[in-house]
Amino acid sequence: MLWAALIRTSVSRDLALGQFRRFLDFIFEHPKKDLLSDVTLTGISKLDESLREELIAFLISRSDSASALATLRLFDSLPARETWDKLLPSIEPDPRLLMAATGAHLWHQSPEATDCRWMRIMAYFLTGRLHVPKETGDGWCGYRQERFG
């Protein structure tokens, strides 16, 4: 989940987790949440255009996230590139951020990788695509402090 890694690396952990929680709230409250379980770049690219634009617009609604995600422009074969290009601000991609994000997330047990993995699993959980015992779900919802209702 490169987009999440870029956000996670570009700001403090607390701020990144707050942004992930806002995104998960967006998914949980969305009337088409059943279509929003796969939040990978490929999963986002498979959404119909209007839903994809709505989701990406939400992801880049904070200027720090928009700046971080502009780095995705470094990839010529970015899934749904036309939508990203249409919505991202006209700023130069930051290859140093890409290097830092990749390095921070290579070790699967790093806090950065764990935070991104949590966010991905929570999208499946909150959309009903993943079922777990209540106690497990409660623990996931309380990851690093806040809870979802």
C-alpha atoms as a PDB file:
ATOM      1  CA  MET A   1       0.000   0.000   0.000  1.00  0.00           C
ATOM      2  CA  LEU A   2       2.325   2.621  -1.301  1.00  0.00           C
ATOM      3  CA  TRP A   3      -0.104   5.509  -0.886  1.00  0.00           C
ATOM      4  CA  ALA A   4      -0.497   4.744   2.833  1.00  0.00           C
ATOM      5  CA  ALA A   5       3.269   4.347   3.240  1.00  0.00           C
ATOM      6  CA  LEU A   6       3.812   7.784   1.695  1.00  0.00           C
ATOM      7  CA  ILE A   7       1.338   9.397   4.086  1.00  0.00           C
ATOM      8  CA  ARG A   8       2.710   7.469   7.072  1.00  0.00           C
ATOM      9  CA  THR A   9       6.264   8.575   6.293  1.00  0.00           C
ATOM     10  CA  SER A  10       5.473  12.196   5.458  1.00  0.00           C
ATOM     11  CA  VAL A  11       3.981  13.164   8.841  1.00  0.00           C
ATOM     12  CA  SER A  12       4.214  12.102  12.480  1.00  0.00           C
ATOM     13  CA  ARG A  13       2.790   8.733  13.483  1.00  0.00           C
ATOM     14  CA  ASP A  14      -0.099  10.265  15.414  1.00  0.00           C
ATOM     15  CA  LEU A  15      -1.049  12.510  12.515  1.00  0.00           C
ATOM     16  CA  ALA A  16      -0.820   9.647  10.004  1.00  0.00           C
ATOM     17  CA  LEU A  17      -2.966   7.385  12.173  1.00  0.00           C
ATOM     18  CA  GLY A  18      -5.461  10.215  12.532  1.00  0.00           C
ATOM     19  CA  GLN A  19      -5.605  10.505   8.750  1.00  0.00           C
ATOM     20  CA  PHE A  20      -6.034   6.741   8.426  1.00  0.00           C
ATOM     21  CA  ARG A  21      -8.892   6.861  10.966  1.00  0.00           C
ATOM     22  CA  ARG A  22     -10.594   9.674   9.044  1.00  0.00           C
ATOM     23  CA  PHE A  23     -10.280   7.591   5.879  1.00  0.00           C
ATOM     24  CA  LEU A  24     -11.699   4.531   7.626  1.00  0.00           C
ATOM     25  CA  ASP A  25     -14.589   6.633   8.959  1.00  0.00           C
ATOM     26  CA  PHE A  26     -15.203   7.821   5.385  1.00  0.00           C
ATOM     27  CA  ILE A  27     -15.376   4.196   4.235  1.00  0.00           C
ATOM     28  CA  PHE A  28     -17.527   3.045   7.176  1.00  0.00           C
ATOM     29  CA  GLU A  29     -20.064   5.846   6.675  1.00  0.00           C
ATOM     30  CA  HIS A  30     -20.125   5.667   2.866  1.00  0.00           C
ATOM     31  CA  PRO A  31     -23.386   4.376   1.339  1.00  0.00           C
ATOM     32  CA  LYS A  32     -21.324   2.222  -1.049  1.00  0.00           C
ATOM     33  CA  LYS A  33     -18.938   0.945   1.612  1.00  0.00           C
ATOM     34  CA  ASP A  34     -19.301  -2.613   0.354  1.00  0.00           C
ATOM     35  CA  LEU A  35     -17.327  -1.520  -2.732  1.00  0.00           C
ATOM     36  CA  LEU A  36     -14.536   0.109  -0.704  1.00  0.00           C
ATOM     37  CA  SER A  37     -12.907  -2.868   1.003  1.00  0.00           C
ATOM     38  CA  ASP A  38      -9.807  -3.033  -1.223  1.00  0.00           C
ATOM     39  CA  VAL A  39      -7.911   0.192  -0.586  1.00  0.00           C
ATOM     40  CA  THR A  40      -4.788  -0.769  -2.512  1.00  0.00           C
ATOM     41  CA  LEU A  41      -3.847   1.260  -5.580  1.00  0.00           C
ATOM     42  CA  THR A  42      -5.153  -1.563  -7.762  1.00  0.00           C
ATOM     43  CA  GLY A  43      -8.366  -1.845  -5.739  1.00  0.00           C
ATOM     44  CA  ILE A  44      -8.957   1.900  -5.999  1.00  0.00           C
ATOM     45  CA  SER A  45      -8.341   1.758  -9.763  1.00  0.00           C
ATOM     46  CA  LYS A  46     -11.118  -0.830 -10.170  1.00  0.00           C
ATOM     47  CA  LEU A  47     -13.798   1.469  -8.725  1.00  0.00           C
ATOM     48  CA  ASP A  48     -16.126   3.240 -11.114  1.00  0.00           C
ATOM     49  CA  GLU A  49     -14.792   6.662 -12.032  1.00  0.00           C
ATOM     50  CA  SER A  50     -17.062   8.777  -9.824  1.00  0.00           C
ATOM     51  CA  LEU A  51     -16.474   6.643  -6.731  1.00  0.00           C
ATOM     52  CA  ARG A  52     -12.732   6.527  -7.441  1.00  0.00           C
ATOM     53  CA  GLU A  53     -12.645  10.320  -7.749  1.00  0.00           C
ATOM     54  CA  GLU A  54     -14.582  10.719  -4.502  1.00  0.00           C
ATOM     55  CA  LEU A  55     -12.223   8.391  -2.635  1.00  0.00           C
ATOM     56  CA  ILE A  56      -9.038   9.975  -4.011  1.00  0.00           C
ATOM     57  CA  ALA A  57     -10.407  13.472  -3.371  1.00  0.00           C
ATOM     58  CA  PHE A  58     -10.967  12.468   0.240  1.00  0.00           C
ATOM     59  CA  LEU A  59      -7.447  11.039   0.515  1.00  0.00           C
ATOM     60  CA  ILE A  60      -5.900  14.276  -0.737  1.00  0.00           C
ATOM     61  CA  SER A  61      -8.221  16.650   1.132  1.00  0.00           C
ATOM     62  CA  ARG A  62      -5.396  17.496   3.540  1.00  0.00           C
ATOM     63  CA  SER A  63      -2.568  19.423   1.926  1.00  0.00           C
ATOM     64  CA  ASP A  64       0.113  17.285   3.608  1.00  0.00           C
ATOM     65  CA  SER A  65      -1.466  14.112   2.200  1.00  0.00           C
ATOM     66  CA  ALA A  66      -1.842  15.682  -1.236  1.00  0.00           C
ATOM     67  CA  SER A  67       1.833  16.658  -1.228  1.00  0.00           C
ATOM     68  CA  ALA A  68       2.895  13.178  -0.151  1.00  0.00           C
ATOM     69  CA  LEU A  69       0.672  11.449  -2.692  1.00  0.00           C
ATOM     70  CA  ALA A  70       1.973  13.629  -5.532  1.00  0.00           C
ATOM     71  CA  THR A  71       4.973  11.289  -5.305  1.00  0.00           C
ATOM     72  CA  LEU A  72       2.815   8.619  -6.979  1.00  0.00           C
ATOM     73  CA  ARG A  73       3.376  10.516 -10.232  1.00  0.00           C
ATOM     74  CA  LEU A  74       6.840   8.965 -10.366  1.00  0.00           C
ATOM     75  CA  PHE A  75       5.160   5.767 -11.615  1.00  0.00           C
ATOM     76  CA  ASP A  76       4.202   5.787 -15.286  1.00  0.00           C
ATOM     77  CA  SER A  77       2.081   2.664 -14.807  1.00  0.00           C
ATOM     78  CA  LEU A  78       0.230   3.908 -11.703  1.00  0.00           C
ATOM     79  CA  PRO A  79      -3.212   2.253 -11.672  1.00  0.00           C
ATOM     80  CA  ALA A  80      -5.900   4.851 -12.530  1.00  0.00           C
ATOM     81  CA  ARG A  81      -3.157   7.357 -13.233  1.00  0.00           C
ATOM     82  CA  GLU A  82      -5.534   9.619 -15.152  1.00  0.00           C
ATOM     83  CA  THR A  83      -7.661  10.111 -12.028  1.00  0.00           C
ATOM     84  CA  TRP A  84      -4.662  10.753  -9.793  1.00  0.00           C
ATOM     85  CA  ASP A  85      -3.246  13.232 -12.325  1.00  0.00           C
ATOM     86  CA  LYS A  86      -6.586  15.011 -12.536  1.00  0.00           C
ATOM     87  CA  LEU A  87      -6.939  15.419  -8.757  1.00  0.00           C
ATOM     88  CA  LEU A  88      -3.403  15.735  -7.365  1.00  0.00           C
ATOM     89  CA  PRO A  89      -1.942  19.222  -6.948  1.00  0.00           C
ATOM     90  CA  SER A  90       0.559  20.388  -9.533  1.00  0.00           C
ATOM     91  CA  ILE A  91       3.684  19.904  -7.454  1.00  0.00           C
ATOM     92  CA  GLU A  92       6.832  17.975  -8.145  1.00  0.00           C
ATOM     93  CA  PRO A  93       6.956  14.386  -6.886  1.00  0.00           C
ATOM     94  CA  ASP A  94       9.470  13.810  -4.107  1.00  0.00           C
ATOM     95  CA  PRO A  95      11.758  10.840  -4.843  1.00  0.00           C
ATOM     96  CA  ARG A  96      13.361  11.220  -1.395  1.00  0.00           C
ATOM     97  CA  LEU A  97       9.975  10.629   0.239  1.00  0.00           C
ATOM     98  CA  LEU A  98       9.536   7.519  -1.906  1.00  0.00           C
ATOM     99  CA  MET A  99      12.937   6.216  -0.784  1.00  0.00           C
ATOM    100  CA  ALA A 100      12.190   6.971   2.877  1.00  0.00           C
ATOM    101  CA  ALA A 101       8.734   5.379   2.707  1.00  0.00           C
ATOM    102  CA  THR A 102      10.035   2.259   1.006  1.00  0.00           C
ATOM    103  CA  GLY A 103      12.890   1.908   3.472  1.00  0.00           C
ATOM    104  CA  ALA A 104      10.680   2.439   6.519  1.00  0.00           C
ATOM    105  CA  HIS A 105       8.173  -0.177   5.375  1.00  0.00           C
ATOM    106  CA  LEU A 106      10.481  -2.937   4.130  1.00  0.00           C
ATOM    107  CA  TRP A 107      10.688  -4.669   7.498  1.00  0.00           C
ATOM    108  CA  HIS A 108       7.192  -6.057   7.995  1.00  0.00           C
ATOM    109  CA  GLN A 109       7.334  -5.625  11.783  1.00  0.00           C
ATOM    110  CA  SER A 110       8.259  -1.945  11.716  1.00  0.00           C
ATOM    111  CA  PRO A 111       5.710   0.423  13.287  1.00  0.00           C
ATOM    112  CA  GLU A 112       5.227   2.022   9.866  1.00  0.00           C
ATOM    113  CA  ALA A 113       4.435  -1.282   8.131  1.00  0.00           C
ATOM    114  CA  THR A 114       2.187  -2.369  10.996  1.00  0.00           C
ATOM    115  CA  ASP A 115       0.214   0.889  10.853  1.00  0.00           C
ATOM    116  CA  CYS A 116      -0.404   0.517   7.108  1.00  0.00           C
ATOM    117  CA  ARG A 117      -1.321  -3.148   7.464  1.00  0.00           C
ATOM    118  CA  TRP A 118      -3.772  -2.251  10.269  1.00  0.00           C
ATOM    119  CA  MET A 119      -5.428   0.327   8.038  1.00  0.00           C
ATOM    120  CA  ARG A 120      -5.778  -2.145   5.165  1.00  0.00           C
ATOM    121  CA  ILE A 121      -7.275  -4.869   7.351  1.00  0.00           C
ATOM    122  CA  MET A 122      -9.622  -2.377   9.002  1.00  0.00           C
ATOM    123  CA  ALA A 123     -11.035  -1.464   5.584  1.00  0.00           C
ATOM    124  CA  TYR A 124     -11.945  -5.124   5.042  1.00  0.00           C
ATOM    125  CA  PHE A 125     -13.335  -5.387   8.567  1.00  0.00           C
ATOM    126  CA  LEU A 126     -15.416  -2.193   8.476  1.00  0.00           C
ATOM    127  CA  THR A 127     -16.942  -3.074   5.099  1.00  0.00           C
ATOM    128  CA  GLY A 128     -17.998  -6.511   6.297  1.00  0.00           C
ATOM    129  CA  ARG A 129     -15.587  -8.419   4.066  1.00  0.00           C
ATOM    130  CA  LEU A 130     -13.668  -9.782   7.056  1.00  0.00           C
ATOM    131  CA  HIS A 131     -15.398 -11.350  10.043  1.00  0.00           C
ATOM    132  CA  VAL A 132     -13.647 -11.866  13.373  1.00  0.00           C
ATOM    133  CA  PRO A 133     -14.775 -12.436  16.975  1.00  0.00           C
ATOM    134  CA  LYS A 134     -16.077  -9.269  18.643  1.00  0.00           C
ATOM    135  CA  GLU A 135     -13.135  -9.108  21.060  1.00  0.00           C
ATOM    136  CA  THR A 136     -10.671  -9.196  18.179  1.00  0.00           C
ATOM    137  CA  GLY A 137     -12.544  -6.501  16.266  1.00  0.00           C
ATOM    138  CA  ASP A 138     -12.752  -4.338  19.381  1.00  0.00           C
ATOM    139  CA  GLY A 139      -8.986  -4.610  19.793  1.00  0.00           C
ATOM    140  CA  TRP A 140      -8.407  -3.648  16.182  1.00  0.00           C
ATOM    141  CA  CYS A 141     -10.745  -0.680  16.473  1.00  0.00           C
ATOM    142  CA  GLY A 142      -8.837   0.507  19.530  1.00  0.00           C
ATOM    143  CA  TYR A 143      -5.437   0.232  17.838  1.00  0.00           C
ATOM    144  CA  ARG A 144      -3.225   3.033  19.082  1.00  0.00           C
ATOM    145  CA  GLN A 145      -6.103   4.735  21.001  1.00  0.00           C
ATOM    146  CA  GLU A 146      -9.360   5.578  19.217  1.00  0.00           C
ATOM    147  CA  ARG A 147     -12.401   3.400  18.589  1.00  0.00           C
ATOM    148  CA  PHE A 148     -14.916   3.151  15.782  1.00  0.00           C
ATOM    149  CA  GLY A 149     -18.619   2.927  16.576  1.00  0.00           C
END
